[in-house]
PDB file of N, CA and C in Angstrom:
ATOM      1  N   MET A   1       0.568  21.011 -15.567  1.00  0.00           N
ATOM      2  CA  MET A   1       1.208  19.790 -14.813  1.00  0.00           C
ATOM      3  C   MET A   1       1.659  21.004 -13.323  1.00  0.00           C
ATOM      4  N   ALA A   2       1.935  20.087 -12.431  1.00  0.00           N
ATOM      5  CA  ALA A   2       2.336  20.689 -10.804  1.00  0.00           C
ATOM      6  C   ALA A   2       3.468  20.977 -11.234  1.00  0.00           C
ATOM      7  N   HIS A   3       4.319  22.082 -10.808  1.00  0.00           N
ATOM      8  CA  HIS A   3       5.497  22.297 -10.956  1.00  0.00           C
ATOM      9  C   HIS A   3       5.939  22.833  -9.596  1.00  0.00           C
ATOM     10  N   ASN A   4       7.263  22.814  -8.976  1.00  0.00           N
ATOM     11  CA  ASN A   4       7.784  22.718  -7.927  1.00  0.00           C
ATOM     12  C   ASN A   4       7.051  22.280  -6.445  1.00  0.00           C
ATOM     13  N   VAL A   5       6.715  21.236  -6.684  1.00  0.00           N
ATOM     14  CA  VAL A   5       6.220  20.768  -5.420  1.00  0.00           C
ATOM     15  C   VAL A   5       7.077  20.040  -4.668  1.00  0.00           C
ATOM     16  N   PRO A   6       6.666  20.221  -3.124  1.00  0.00           N
ATOM     17  CA  PRO A   6       7.841  19.956  -2.503  1.00  0.00           C
ATOM     18  C   PRO A   6       7.441  18.316  -2.120  1.00  0.00           C
ATOM     19  N   VAL A   7       8.496  17.629  -2.229  1.00  0.00           N
ATOM     20  CA  VAL A   7       8.674  16.475  -1.897  1.00  0.00           C
ATOM     21  C   VAL A   7       8.090  16.099  -0.369  1.00  0.00           C
ATOM     22  N   PRO A   8       7.447  15.011  -0.138  1.00  0.00           N
ATOM     23  CA  PRO A   8       6.684  14.864   1.291  1.00  0.00           C
ATOM     24  C   PRO A   8       7.767  14.453   2.076  1.00  0.00           C
ATOM     25  N   LYS A   9       7.858  14.717   3.271  1.00  0.00           N
ATOM     26  CA  LYS A   9       8.723  14.625   4.155  1.00  0.00           C
ATOM     27  C   LYS A   9       9.048  12.994   4.558  1.00  0.00           C
ATOM     28  N   LYS A  10       7.413  12.780   5.082  1.00  0.00           N
ATOM     29  CA  LYS A  10       7.648  11.023   5.070  1.00  0.00           C
ATOM     30  C   LYS A  10       6.908  10.625   3.717  1.00  0.00           C
ATOM     31  N   MET A  11       7.758   9.102   3.374  1.00  0.00           N
ATOM     32  CA  MET A  11       7.166   8.295   2.267  1.00  0.00           C
ATOM     33  C   MET A  11       7.569   7.059   2.588  1.00  0.00           C
ATOM     34  N   PRO A  12       6.599   5.902   2.552  1.00  0.00           N
ATOM     35  CA  PRO A  12       6.628   4.382   3.313  1.00  0.00           C
ATOM     36  C   PRO A  12       7.946   4.198   2.440  1.00  0.00           C
ATOM     37  N   GLU A  13       8.845   3.122   2.413  1.00  0.00           N
ATOM     38  CA  GLU A  13       9.972   2.547   2.026  1.00  0.00           C
ATOM     39  C   GLU A  13       9.260   1.337   1.149  1.00  0.00           C
ATOM     40  N   SER A  14       9.626   0.875   0.097  1.00  0.00           N
ATOM     41  CA  SER A  14       8.916  -0.123  -0.768  1.00  0.00           C
ATOM     42  C   SER A  14       9.106  -1.269   0.158  1.00  0.00           C
ATOM     43  N   GLY A  15       8.606  -2.286  -0.155  1.00  0.00           N
ATOM     44  CA  GLY A  15       8.412  -3.544   0.801  1.00  0.00           C
ATOM     45  C   GLY A  15       6.899  -3.960   0.921  1.00  0.00           C
ATOM     46  N   PHE A  16       6.808  -4.981   1.646  1.00  0.00           N
ATOM     47  CA  PHE A  16       5.598  -5.722   2.270  1.00  0.00           C
ATOM     48  C   PHE A  16       5.339  -5.117   3.654  1.00  0.00           C
ATOM     49  N   TYR A  17       3.582  -4.829   3.546  1.00  0.00           N
ATOM     50  CA  TYR A  17       3.112  -4.169   4.792  1.00  0.00           C
ATOM     51  C   TYR A  17       1.772  -5.221   4.829  1.00  0.00           C
ATOM     52  N   TYR A  18       1.197  -4.995   6.364  1.00  0.00           N
ATOM     53  CA  TYR A  18       0.100  -5.879   6.557  1.00  0.00           C
ATOM     54  C   TYR A  18      -0.693  -4.246   7.032  1.00  0.00           C
ATOM     55  N   HIS A  19      -2.120  -4.433   6.536  1.00  0.00           N
ATOM     56  CA  HIS A  19      -3.047  -3.583   6.840  1.00  0.00           C
ATOM     57  C   HIS A  19      -3.796  -3.594   8.167  1.00  0.00           C
ATOM     58  N   TYR A  20      -4.200  -2.687   8.775  1.00  0.00           N
ATOM     59  CA  TYR A  20      -4.453  -3.039  10.172  1.00  0.00           C
ATOM     60  C   TYR A  20      -5.847  -3.841  10.178  1.00  0.00           C
ATOM     61  N   LYS A  21      -6.521  -4.412   8.791  1.00  0.00           N
ATOM     62  CA  LYS A  21      -7.511  -5.709   9.035  1.00  0.00           C
ATOM     63  C   LYS A  21      -6.722  -6.854   9.021  1.00  0.00           C
ATOM     64  N   HIS A  22      -5.355  -6.934   8.896  1.00  0.00           N
ATOM     65  CA  HIS A  22      -4.813  -8.414   9.040  1.00  0.00           C
ATOM     66  C   HIS A  22      -5.040  -9.247  10.003  1.00  0.00           C
ATOM     67  N   ASP A  23      -5.618 -10.230   9.969  1.00  0.00           N
ATOM     68  CA  ASP A  23      -5.746 -11.530  11.076  1.00  0.00           C
ATOM     69  C   ASP A  23      -4.386 -12.229  11.287  1.00  0.00           C
ATOM     70  N   PRO A  24      -3.977 -12.088  12.404  1.00  0.00           N
ATOM     71  CA  PRO A  24      -2.383 -12.938  12.686  1.00  0.00           C
ATOM     72  C   PRO A  24      -2.701 -14.236  12.569  1.00  0.00           C
ATOM     73  N   VAL A  25      -4.074 -14.923  12.789  1.00  0.00           N
ATOM     74  CA  VAL A  25      -4.247 -16.180  12.770  1.00  0.00           C
ATOM     75  C   VAL A  25      -5.090 -16.722  11.436  1.00  0.00           C
ATOM     76  N   GLY A  26      -5.075 -15.645  10.519  1.00  0.00           N
ATOM     77  CA  GLY A  26      -5.378 -16.091   9.178  1.00  0.00           C
ATOM     78  C   GLY A  26      -4.704 -16.180   8.040  1.00  0.00           C
ATOM     79  N   GLU A  27      -4.603 -16.298   6.757  1.00  0.00           N
ATOM     80  CA  GLU A  27      -3.670 -16.497   6.034  1.00  0.00           C
ATOM     81  C   GLU A  27      -2.789 -15.267   5.885  1.00  0.00           C
ATOM     82  N   VAL A  28      -1.754 -16.091   5.590  1.00  0.00           N
ATOM     83  CA  VAL A  28      -0.288 -15.121   5.821  1.00  0.00           C
ATOM     84  C   VAL A  28      -0.583 -13.966   5.083  1.00  0.00           C
ATOM     85  N   ASN A  29      -1.255 -13.856   3.941  1.00  0.00           N
ATOM     86  CA  ASN A  29      -1.463 -12.955   2.854  1.00  0.00           C
ATOM     87  C   ASN A  29      -2.838 -12.075   3.141  1.00  0.00           C
ATOM     88  N   ASN A  30      -3.459 -12.695   4.277  1.00  0.00           N
ATOM     89  CA  ASN A  30      -4.836 -11.465   4.262  1.00  0.00           C
ATOM     90  C   ASN A  30      -4.380  -9.761   4.925  1.00  0.00           C
ATOM     91  N   TYR A  31      -4.965  -9.153   4.092  1.00  0.00           N
ATOM     92  CA  TYR A  31      -4.778  -7.898   3.865  1.00  0.00           C
ATOM     93  C   TYR A  31      -3.179  -7.614   4.180  1.00  0.00           C
ATOM     94  N   ALA A  32      -2.325  -8.306   3.260  1.00  0.00           N
ATOM     95  CA  ALA A  32      -1.200  -7.842   2.993  1.00  0.00           C
ATOM     96  C   ALA A  32      -0.786  -7.183   1.680  1.00  0.00           C
ATOM     97  N   TYR A  33       0.227  -6.349   1.370  1.00  0.00           N
ATOM     98  CA  TYR A  33       0.377  -5.357   0.339  1.00  0.00           C
ATOM     99  C   TYR A  33       1.927  -5.123   0.282  1.00  0.00           C
ATOM    100  N   TYR A  34       2.112  -5.017  -1.052  1.00  0.00           N
ATOM    101  CA  TYR A  34       3.274  -4.774  -1.523  1.00  0.00           C
ATOM    102  C   TYR A  34       3.437  -3.250  -2.063  1.00  0.00           C
ATOM    103  N   ILE A  35       4.090  -2.397  -1.387  1.00  0.00           N
ATOM    104  CA  ILE A  35       3.971  -1.140  -1.645  1.00  0.00           C
ATOM    105  C   ILE A  35       5.510  -0.790  -2.322  1.00  0.00           C
ATOM    106  N   TYR A  36       4.938  -0.249  -3.526  1.00  0.00           N
ATOM    107  CA  TYR A  36       6.499   0.132  -4.650  1.00  0.00           C
ATOM    108  C   TYR A  36       6.782   1.365  -3.986  1.00  0.00           C
ATOM    109  N   GLY A  37       5.859   2.226  -4.039  1.00  0.00           N
ATOM    110  CA  GLY A  37       6.451   3.654  -3.655  1.00  0.00           C
ATOM    111  C   GLY A  37       5.673   4.547  -4.077  1.00  0.00           C
ATOM    112  N   VAL A  38       5.738   6.100  -3.682  1.00  0.00           N
ATOM    113  CA  VAL A  38       5.119   7.268  -4.145  1.00  0.00           C
ATOM    114  C   VAL A  38       4.802   8.050  -5.388  1.00  0.00           C
ATOM    115  N   GLY A  39       3.713   8.168  -6.143  1.00  0.00           N
ATOM    116  CA  GLY A  39       3.519   9.185  -7.328  1.00  0.00           C
ATOM    117  C   GLY A  39       3.002  10.247  -7.047  1.00  0.00           C
ATOM    118  N   LEU A  40       3.047  10.995  -8.059  1.00  0.00           N
ATOM    119  CA  LEU A  40       2.867  12.434  -8.090  1.00  0.00           C
ATOM    120  C   LEU A  40       1.791  12.618  -9.025  1.00  0.00           C
ATOM    121  N   HIS A  41       0.502  13.341  -8.595  1.00  0.00           N
ATOM    122  CA  HIS A  41      -0.470  13.510  -9.392  1.00  0.00           C
ATOM    123  C   HIS A  41      -0.146  15.016 -10.231  1.00  0.00           C
ATOM    124  N   THR A  42       0.122  14.930 -11.583  1.00  0.00           N
ATOM    125  CA  THR A  42       0.675  15.867 -11.995  1.00  0.00           C
ATOM    126  C   THR A  42      -0.109  16.728 -12.605  1.00  0.00           C
ATOM    127  N   GLU A  43      -1.307  16.925 -12.344  1.00  0.00           N
ATOM    128  CA  GLU A  43      -2.540  17.898 -13.336  1.00  0.00           C
ATOM    129  C   GLU A  43      -2.590  19.086 -11.913  1.00  0.00           C
ATOM    130  N   ASP A  44      -2.909  20.250 -12.391  1.00  0.00           N
ATOM    131  CA  ASP A  44      -3.138  21.391 -11.467  1.00  0.00           C
ATOM    132  C   ASP A  44      -4.538  21.527 -10.939  1.00  0.00           C
ATOM    133  N   ASP A  45      -5.519  20.442 -11.177  1.00  0.00           N
ATOM    134  CA  ASP A  45      -6.939  20.462 -10.812  1.00  0.00           C
ATOM    135  C   ASP A  45      -6.878  19.373  -9.564  1.00  0.00           C
ATOM    136  N   CYS A  46      -6.172  18.867  -8.856  1.00  0.00           N
ATOM    137  CA  CYS A  46      -5.997  17.924  -8.425  1.00  0.00           C
ATOM    138  C   CYS A  46      -5.794  18.535  -6.792  1.00  0.00           C
ATOM    139  N   ARG A  47      -6.790  18.090  -5.789  1.00  0.00           N
ATOM    140  CA  ARG A  47      -6.784  18.879  -4.421  1.00  0.00           C
ATOM    141  C   ARG A  47      -4.984  18.425  -3.915  1.00  0.00           C
ATOM    142  N   PRO A  48      -4.521  19.334  -3.150  1.00  0.00           N
ATOM    143  CA  PRO A  48      -3.259  19.483  -2.580  1.00  0.00           C
ATOM    144  C   PRO A  48      -3.382  18.484  -1.375  1.00  0.00           C
ATOM    145  N   GLN A  49      -3.848  17.594  -0.861  1.00  0.00           N
ATOM    146  CA  GLN A  49      -3.839  16.834   0.217  1.00  0.00           C
ATOM    147  C   GLN A  49      -3.808  15.145  -0.738  1.00  0.00           C
ATOM    148  N   ASP A  50      -4.111  15.252  -2.230  1.00  0.00           N
ATOM    149  CA  ASP A  50      -4.454  13.971  -2.941  1.00  0.00           C
ATOM    150  C   ASP A  50      -3.357  14.246  -4.201  1.00  0.00           C
ATOM    151  N   GLN A  51      -2.161  14.914  -3.890  1.00  0.00           N
ATOM    152  CA  GLN A  51      -1.418  15.489  -4.758  1.00  0.00           C
ATOM    153  C   GLN A  51      -0.299  13.671  -4.985  1.00  0.00           C
ATOM    154  N   PHE A  52      -0.187  13.574  -4.116  1.00  0.00           N
ATOM    155  CA  PHE A  52       1.254  12.462  -3.551  1.00  0.00           C
ATOM    156  C   PHE A  52       0.144  11.156  -3.601  1.00  0.00           C
ATOM    157  N   MET A  53       0.292  10.145  -4.065  1.00  0.00           N
ATOM    158  CA  MET A  53      -0.297   9.130  -4.079  1.00  0.00           C
ATOM    159  C   MET A  53       0.436   7.693  -3.662  1.00  0.00           C
ATOM    160  N   GLN A  54       0.097   7.102  -3.042  1.00  0.00           N
ATOM    161  CA  GLN A  54       0.730   5.457  -2.394  1.00  0.00           C
ATOM    162  C   GLN A  54       0.523   4.805  -3.537  1.00  0.00           C
ATOM    163  N   VAL A  55       1.382   4.086  -4.057  1.00  0.00           N
ATOM    164  CA  VAL A  55       1.343   3.024  -5.087  1.00  0.00           C
ATOM    165  C   VAL A  55       1.606   1.725  -4.735  1.00  0.00           C
ATOM    166  N   TYR A  56       0.480   0.795  -4.738  1.00  0.00           N
ATOM    167  CA  TYR A  56       0.720  -0.537  -4.312  1.00  0.00           C
ATOM    168  C   TYR A  56      -0.269  -1.458  -4.896  1.00  0.00           C
ATOM    169  N   ARG A  57      -0.030  -3.072  -4.270  1.00  0.00           N
ATOM    170  CA  ARG A  57      -0.869  -4.053  -4.724  1.00  0.00           C
ATOM    171  C   ARG A  57      -1.279  -4.817  -3.847  1.00  0.00           C
ATOM    172  N   PRO A  58      -2.315  -5.469  -3.601  1.00  0.00           N
ATOM    173  CA  PRO A  58      -2.862  -6.536  -2.664  1.00  0.00           C
ATOM    174  C   PRO A  58      -2.296  -7.807  -2.771  1.00  0.00           C
ATOM    175  N   LEU A  59      -2.177  -8.661  -1.991  1.00  0.00           N
ATOM    176  CA  LEU A  59      -1.363  -9.971  -2.167  1.00  0.00           C
ATOM    177  C   LEU A  59      -2.354 -10.777  -1.952  1.00  0.00           C
ATOM    178  N   TYR A  60      -3.912 -10.565  -1.700  1.00  0.00           N
ATOM    179  CA  TYR A  60      -4.660 -11.673  -1.808  1.00  0.00           C
ATOM    180  C   TYR A  60      -5.772 -11.375  -2.604  1.00  0.00           C
ATOM    181  N   GLU A  61      -6.890 -12.316  -2.936  1.00  0.00           N
ATOM    182  CA  GLU A  61      -7.670 -12.180  -3.558  1.00  0.00           C
ATOM    183  C   GLU A  61      -8.997 -10.987  -3.442  1.00  0.00           C
ATOM    184  N   ALA A  62      -8.858 -10.002  -4.496  1.00  0.00           N
ATOM    185  CA  ALA A  62      -9.563  -8.730  -4.068  1.00  0.00           C
ATOM    186  C   ALA A  62     -10.043  -8.445  -5.578  1.00  0.00           C
ATOM    187  N   TYR A  63     -10.696  -7.577  -5.660  1.00  0.00           N
ATOM    188  CA  TYR A  63     -11.699  -6.998  -6.847  1.00  0.00           C
ATOM    189  C   TYR A  63     -10.751  -6.707  -8.186  1.00  0.00           C
ATOM    190  N   VAL A  64      -9.545  -6.182  -7.852  1.00  0.00           N
ATOM    191  CA  VAL A  64      -8.594  -5.692  -9.066  1.00  0.00           C
ATOM    192  C   VAL A  64      -7.961  -6.769  -9.928  1.00  0.00           C
ATOM    193  N   TYR A  65      -8.248  -7.929  -9.788  1.00  0.00           N
ATOM    194  CA  TYR A  65      -7.434  -8.619 -10.404  1.00  0.00           C
ATOM    195  C   TYR A  65      -8.154  -9.234 -11.639  1.00  0.00           C
ATOM    196  N   GLY A  66      -9.667  -9.136 -11.694  1.00  0.00           N
ATOM    197  CA  GLY A  66     -10.312  -8.718 -12.816  1.00  0.00           C
ATOM    198  C   GLY A  66     -10.437  -7.768 -13.650  1.00  0.00           C
ATOM    199  N   LEU A  67      -9.807  -6.376 -13.239  1.00  0.00           N
ATOM    200  CA  LEU A  67      -9.391  -5.349 -14.143  1.00  0.00           C
ATOM    201  C   LEU A  67      -7.994  -5.530 -14.616  1.00  0.00           C
ATOM    202  N   GLY A  68      -7.361  -6.602 -14.449  1.00  0.00           N
ATOM    203  CA  GLY A  68      -6.011  -6.474 -15.166  1.00  0.00           C
ATOM    204  C   GLY A  68      -4.831  -6.178 -14.339  1.00  0.00           C
ATOM    205  N   LYS A  69      -3.999  -5.570 -15.280  1.00  0.00           N
ATOM    206  CA  LYS A  69      -2.209  -5.172 -14.936  1.00  0.00           C
ATOM    207  C   LYS A  69      -2.442  -3.997 -14.152  1.00  0.00           C
ATOM    208  N   LEU A  70      -3.625  -3.753 -13.190  1.00  0.00           N
ATOM    209  CA  LEU A  70      -3.496  -2.292 -12.200  1.00  0.00           C
ATOM    210  C   LEU A  70      -2.873  -2.157 -11.376  1.00  0.00           C
ATOM    211  N   PHE A  71      -2.484  -1.056 -11.131  1.00  0.00           N
ATOM    212  CA  PHE A  71      -1.937  -0.790  -9.309  1.00  0.00           C
ATOM    213  C   PHE A  71      -3.017  -0.198  -8.622  1.00  0.00           C
ATOM    214  N   ASP A  72      -2.770  -0.330  -7.268  1.00  0.00           N
ATOM    215  CA  ASP A  72      -3.807   0.802  -6.353  1.00  0.00           C
ATOM    216  C   ASP A  72      -3.333   1.820  -6.120  1.00  0.00           C
ATOM    217  N   LEU A  73      -4.158   3.100  -5.967  1.00  0.00           N
ATOM    218  CA  LEU A  73      -3.659   4.133  -5.615  1.00  0.00           C
ATOM    219  C   LEU A  73      -4.479   4.611  -4.179  1.00  0.00           C
ATOM    220  N   ARG A  74      -3.657   5.322  -3.377  1.00  0.00           N
ATOM    221  CA  ARG A  74      -4.226   5.508  -2.169  1.00  0.00           C
ATOM    222  C   ARG A  74      -3.532   7.097  -1.892  1.00  0.00           C
ATOM    223  N   PRO A  75      -4.311   8.128  -1.634  1.00  0.00           N
ATOM    224  CA  PRO A  75      -3.493   9.344  -1.210  1.00  0.00           C
ATOM    225  C   PRO A  75      -2.835   9.027  -0.099  1.00  0.00           C
ATOM    226  N   LEU A  76      -1.093   9.669  -0.419  1.00  0.00           N
ATOM    227  CA  LEU A  76      -0.365   9.133   0.534  1.00  0.00           C
ATOM    228  C   LEU A  76      -0.683   9.838   2.157  1.00  0.00           C
ATOM    229  N   HIS A  77      -1.193  10.578   2.530  1.00  0.00           N
ATOM    230  CA  HIS A  77      -1.933  11.480   3.951  1.00  0.00           C
ATOM    231  C   HIS A  77      -2.556   9.949   4.511  1.00  0.00           C
ATOM    232  N   MET A  78      -3.254   9.188   3.591  1.00  0.00           N
ATOM    233  CA  MET A  78      -3.938   8.137   4.386  1.00  0.00           C
ATOM    234  C   MET A  78      -3.174   7.164   4.996  1.00  0.00           C
ATOM    235  N   PHE A  79      -2.199   6.990   4.005  1.00  0.00           N
ATOM    236  CA  PHE A  79      -1.335   5.873   4.491  1.00  0.00           C
ATOM    237  C   PHE A  79      -0.775   6.196   5.999  1.00  0.00           C
ATOM    238  N   TYR A  80      -0.359   7.421   6.493  1.00  0.00           N
ATOM    239  CA  TYR A  80      -0.494   7.772   7.707  1.00  0.00           C
ATOM    240  C   TYR A  80      -1.062   8.110   8.920  1.00  0.00           C
ATOM    241  N   GLU A  81      -2.384   8.192   8.205  1.00  0.00           N
ATOM    242  CA  GLU A  81      -3.513   8.419   9.596  1.00  0.00           C
ATOM    243  C   GLU A  81      -4.053   7.403  10.043  1.00  0.00           C
ATOM    244  N   PRO A  82      -4.035   7.335  11.248  1.00  0.00           N
ATOM    245  CA  PRO A  82      -4.287   6.228  12.163  1.00  0.00           C
ATOM    246  C   PRO A  82      -5.956   5.884  11.604  1.00  0.00           C
ATOM    247  N   ALA A  83      -5.971   4.517  11.753  1.00  0.00           N
ATOM    248  CA  ALA A  83      -7.494   3.781  11.819  1.00  0.00           C
ATOM    249  C   ALA A  83      -7.917   3.850  13.397  1.00  0.00           C
ATOM    250  N   VAL A  84      -9.294   3.835  13.785  1.00  0.00           N
ATOM    251  CA  VAL A  84      -9.724   3.766  14.970  1.00  0.00           C
ATOM    252  C   VAL A  84     -10.304   2.280  14.813  1.00  0.00           C
ATOM    253  N   VAL A  85     -10.228   1.391  15.920  1.00  0.00           N
ATOM    254  CA  VAL A  85     -10.568  -0.006  16.044  1.00  0.00           C
ATOM    255  C   VAL A  85     -10.722  -0.016  17.514  1.00  0.00           C
ATOM    256  N   ASP A  86     -12.322  -0.384  17.424  1.00  0.00           N
ATOM    257  CA  ASP A  86     -13.011  -0.669  18.963  1.00  0.00           C
ATOM    258  C   ASP A  86     -12.516   0.857  20.016  1.00  0.00           C
ATOM    259  N   GLY A  87     -12.512   1.944  19.118  1.00  0.00           N
ATOM    260  CA  GLY A  87     -12.558   3.112  19.981  1.00  0.00           C
ATOM    261  C   GLY A  87     -11.010   3.471  20.152  1.00  0.00           C
ATOM    262  N   ARG A  88     -10.075   3.188  19.797  1.00  0.00           N
ATOM    263  CA  ARG A  88      -8.387   3.179  19.810  1.00  0.00           C
ATOM    264  C   ARG A  88      -7.683   3.752  18.240  1.00  0.00           C
ATOM    265  N   SER A  89      -6.773   4.064  18.639  1.00  0.00           N
ATOM    266  CA  SER A  89      -6.000   4.601  17.688  1.00  0.00           C
ATOM    267  C   SER A  89      -5.268   3.510  16.825  1.00  0.00           C
ATOM    268  N   VAL A  90      -5.041   2.838  15.874  1.00  0.00           N
ATOM    269  CA  VAL A  90      -3.987   2.219  15.514  1.00  0.00           C
ATOM    270  C   VAL A  90      -3.726   2.270  14.014  1.00  0.00           C
ATOM    271  N   ARG A  91      -2.003   1.808  13.913  1.00  0.00           N
ATOM    272  CA  ARG A  91      -1.607   2.137  12.682  1.00  0.00           C
ATOM    273  C   ARG A  91      -2.385   1.868  11.104  1.00  0.00           C
ATOM    274  N   ARG A  92      -2.475   2.252  10.478  1.00  0.00           N
ATOM    275  CA  ARG A  92      -3.074   1.880   8.888  1.00  0.00           C
ATOM    276  C   ARG A  92      -2.463   0.678   8.530  1.00  0.00           C
ATOM    277  N   PHE A  93      -1.089   0.987   8.584  1.00  0.00           N
ATOM    278  CA  PHE A  93      -0.196  -0.013   7.508  1.00  0.00           C
ATOM    279  C   PHE A  93       1.069  -0.214   8.631  1.00  0.00           C
ATOM    280  N   THR A  94       1.243  -1.665   8.673  1.00  0.00           N
ATOM    281  CA  THR A  94       2.614  -2.296   9.413  1.00  0.00           C
ATOM    282  C   THR A  94       3.680  -2.730   8.475  1.00  0.00           C
ATOM    283  N   LYS A  95       5.134  -2.096   8.561  1.00  0.00           N
ATOM    284  CA  LYS A  95       5.795  -2.653   7.633  1.00  0.00           C
ATOM    285  C   LYS A  95       6.242  -4.071   8.187  1.00  0.00           C
ATOM    286  N   ILE A  96       6.256  -5.273   7.363  1.00  0.00           N
ATOM    287  CA  ILE A  96       6.722  -6.842   7.805  1.00  0.00           C
ATOM    288  C   ILE A  96       8.207  -6.876   7.750  1.00  0.00           C
ATOM    289  N   THR A  97       8.527  -7.151   8.747  1.00  0.00           N
ATOM    290  CA  THR A  97       9.949  -7.292   8.622  1.00  0.00           C
ATOM    291  C   THR A  97      10.206  -8.894   8.942  1.00  0.00           C
ATOM    292  N   ASP A  98       9.434  -9.732   9.197  1.00  0.00           N
ATOM    293  CA  ASP A  98       9.766 -11.414   9.459  1.00  0.00           C
ATOM    294  C   ASP A  98      10.186 -11.829   8.123  1.00  0.00           C
ATOM    295  N   PRO A  99      11.256 -12.153   8.110  1.00  0.00           N
ATOM    296  CA  PRO A  99      12.018 -12.757   7.197  1.00  0.00           C
ATOM    297  C   PRO A  99      11.215 -13.958   6.374  1.00  0.00           C
ATOM    298  N   ALA A 100      10.775 -14.965   6.998  1.00  0.00           N
ATOM    299  CA  ALA A 100      10.196 -15.951   6.537  1.00  0.00           C
ATOM    300  C   ALA A 100       8.772 -15.971   6.105  1.00  0.00           C
ATOM    301  N   ILE A 101       8.206 -14.699   6.631  1.00  0.00           N
ATOM    302  CA  ILE A 101       7.026 -14.049   5.959  1.00  0.00           C
ATOM    303  C   ILE A 101       6.993 -13.245   4.749  1.00  0.00           C
ATOM    304  N   ILE A 102       8.046 -12.246   4.881  1.00  0.00           N
ATOM    305  CA  ILE A 102       8.567 -11.665   3.514  1.00  0.00           C
ATOM    306  C   ILE A 102       8.682 -13.151   2.674  1.00  0.00           C
ATOM    307  N   ALA A 103       9.739 -13.864   2.694  1.00  0.00           N
ATOM    308  CA  ALA A 103      10.034 -15.061   1.724  1.00  0.00           C
ATOM    309  C   ALA A 103       8.448 -15.452   1.285  1.00  0.00           C
ATOM    310  N   ARG A 104       7.287 -15.945   1.985  1.00  0.00           N
ATOM    311  CA  ARG A 104       6.030 -16.619   1.501  1.00  0.00           C
ATOM    312  C   ARG A 104       5.686 -15.663   0.829  1.00  0.00           C
ATOM    313  N   LEU A 105       5.574 -14.059   1.205  1.00  0.00           N
ATOM    314  CA  LEU A 105       5.038 -13.182   0.378  1.00  0.00           C
ATOM    315  C   LEU A 105       5.250 -13.228  -0.808  1.00  0.00           C
ATOM    316  N   ARG A 106       6.598 -12.967  -0.910  1.00  0.00           N
ATOM    317  CA  ARG A 106       7.511 -12.960  -1.949  1.00  0.00           C
ATOM    318  C   ARG A 106       6.997 -13.620  -3.132  1.00  0.00           C
ATOM    319  N   GLU A 107       6.800 -15.431  -2.740  1.00  0.00           N
ATOM    320  CA  GLU A 107       6.578 -16.093  -3.845  1.00  0.00           C
ATOM    321  C   GLU A 107       5.019 -15.773  -4.326  1.00  0.00           C
ATOM    322  N   ILE A 108       3.890 -15.258  -3.363  1.00  0.00           N
ATOM    323  CA  ILE A 108       2.415 -15.038  -3.445  1.00  0.00           C
ATOM    324  C   ILE A 108       2.652 -13.714  -4.661  1.00  0.00           C
ATOM    325  N   LYS A 109       3.367 -13.032  -4.648  1.00  0.00           N
ATOM    326  CA  LYS A 109       3.373 -11.842  -5.611  1.00  0.00           C
ATOM    327  C   LYS A 109       4.110 -12.355  -6.861  1.00  0.00           C
ATOM    328  N   ALA A 110       4.860 -13.135  -6.758  1.00  0.00           N
ATOM    329  CA  ALA A 110       5.456 -13.640  -7.952  1.00  0.00           C
ATOM    330  C   ALA A 110       4.170 -14.270  -8.765  1.00  0.00           C
ATOM    331  N   GLN A 111       3.356 -15.376  -7.888  1.00  0.00           N
ATOM    332  CA  GLN A 111       2.241 -16.151  -8.480  1.00  0.00           C
ATOM    333  C   GLN A 111       1.006 -14.829  -8.988  1.00  0.00           C
ATOM    334  N   MET A 112       1.137 -13.836  -8.407  1.00  0.00           N
ATOM    335  CA  MET A 112      -0.228 -13.023  -8.828  1.00  0.00           C
ATOM    336  C   MET A 112       0.377 -12.274  -9.684  1.00  0.00           C
ATOM    337  N   TYR A 113       1.407 -11.512  -9.750  1.00  0.00           N
ATOM    338  CA  TYR A 113       1.988 -10.468 -10.332  1.00  0.00           C
ATOM    339  C   TYR A 113       3.230 -11.069 -11.663  1.00  0.00           C
ATOM    340  N   PRO A 114       2.984 -11.944 -12.340  1.00  0.00           N
ATOM    341  CA  PRO A 114       4.022 -13.094 -12.882  1.00  0.00           C
ATOM    342  C   PRO A 114       4.701 -11.733 -13.942  1.00  0.00           C
ATOM    343  N   GLU A 115       4.270 -10.566 -14.396  1.00  0.00           N
ATOM    344  CA  GLU A 115       4.960  -9.752 -15.350  1.00  0.00           C
ATOM    345  C   GLU A 115       5.860  -8.838 -14.388  1.00  0.00           C
ATOM    346  N   GLU A 116       5.825  -9.090 -13.309  1.00  0.00           N
ATOM    347  CA  GLU A 116       7.287  -8.103 -12.589  1.00  0.00           C
ATOM    348  C   GLU A 116       8.312  -8.984 -12.428  1.00  0.00           C
TER     349      GLU A 116
END
């Protein structure tokens, strides 16, 4: 088990986020996610860059729904790495701050994941 692991200096706040693939003229939940927080991989054989994992769920139809009550994981460093779109660097995830959008996404989240 991993011991004395330094906590990452940057961790995303829990909340609703859009992925860079979100289409602002599309559905409010396309490429929308709820980020729960960050988890720690506890085994010694984990690559150091993958030791911390972002824990999240998509808020749009995706392959994971057939898998049951699972969460998605992504290495934390990938959350902060920019994506390249049309030759320019963009943020991979952007926190949603609009209260009306958050309210709608909360409703969608409750419908999709009623166990929460």
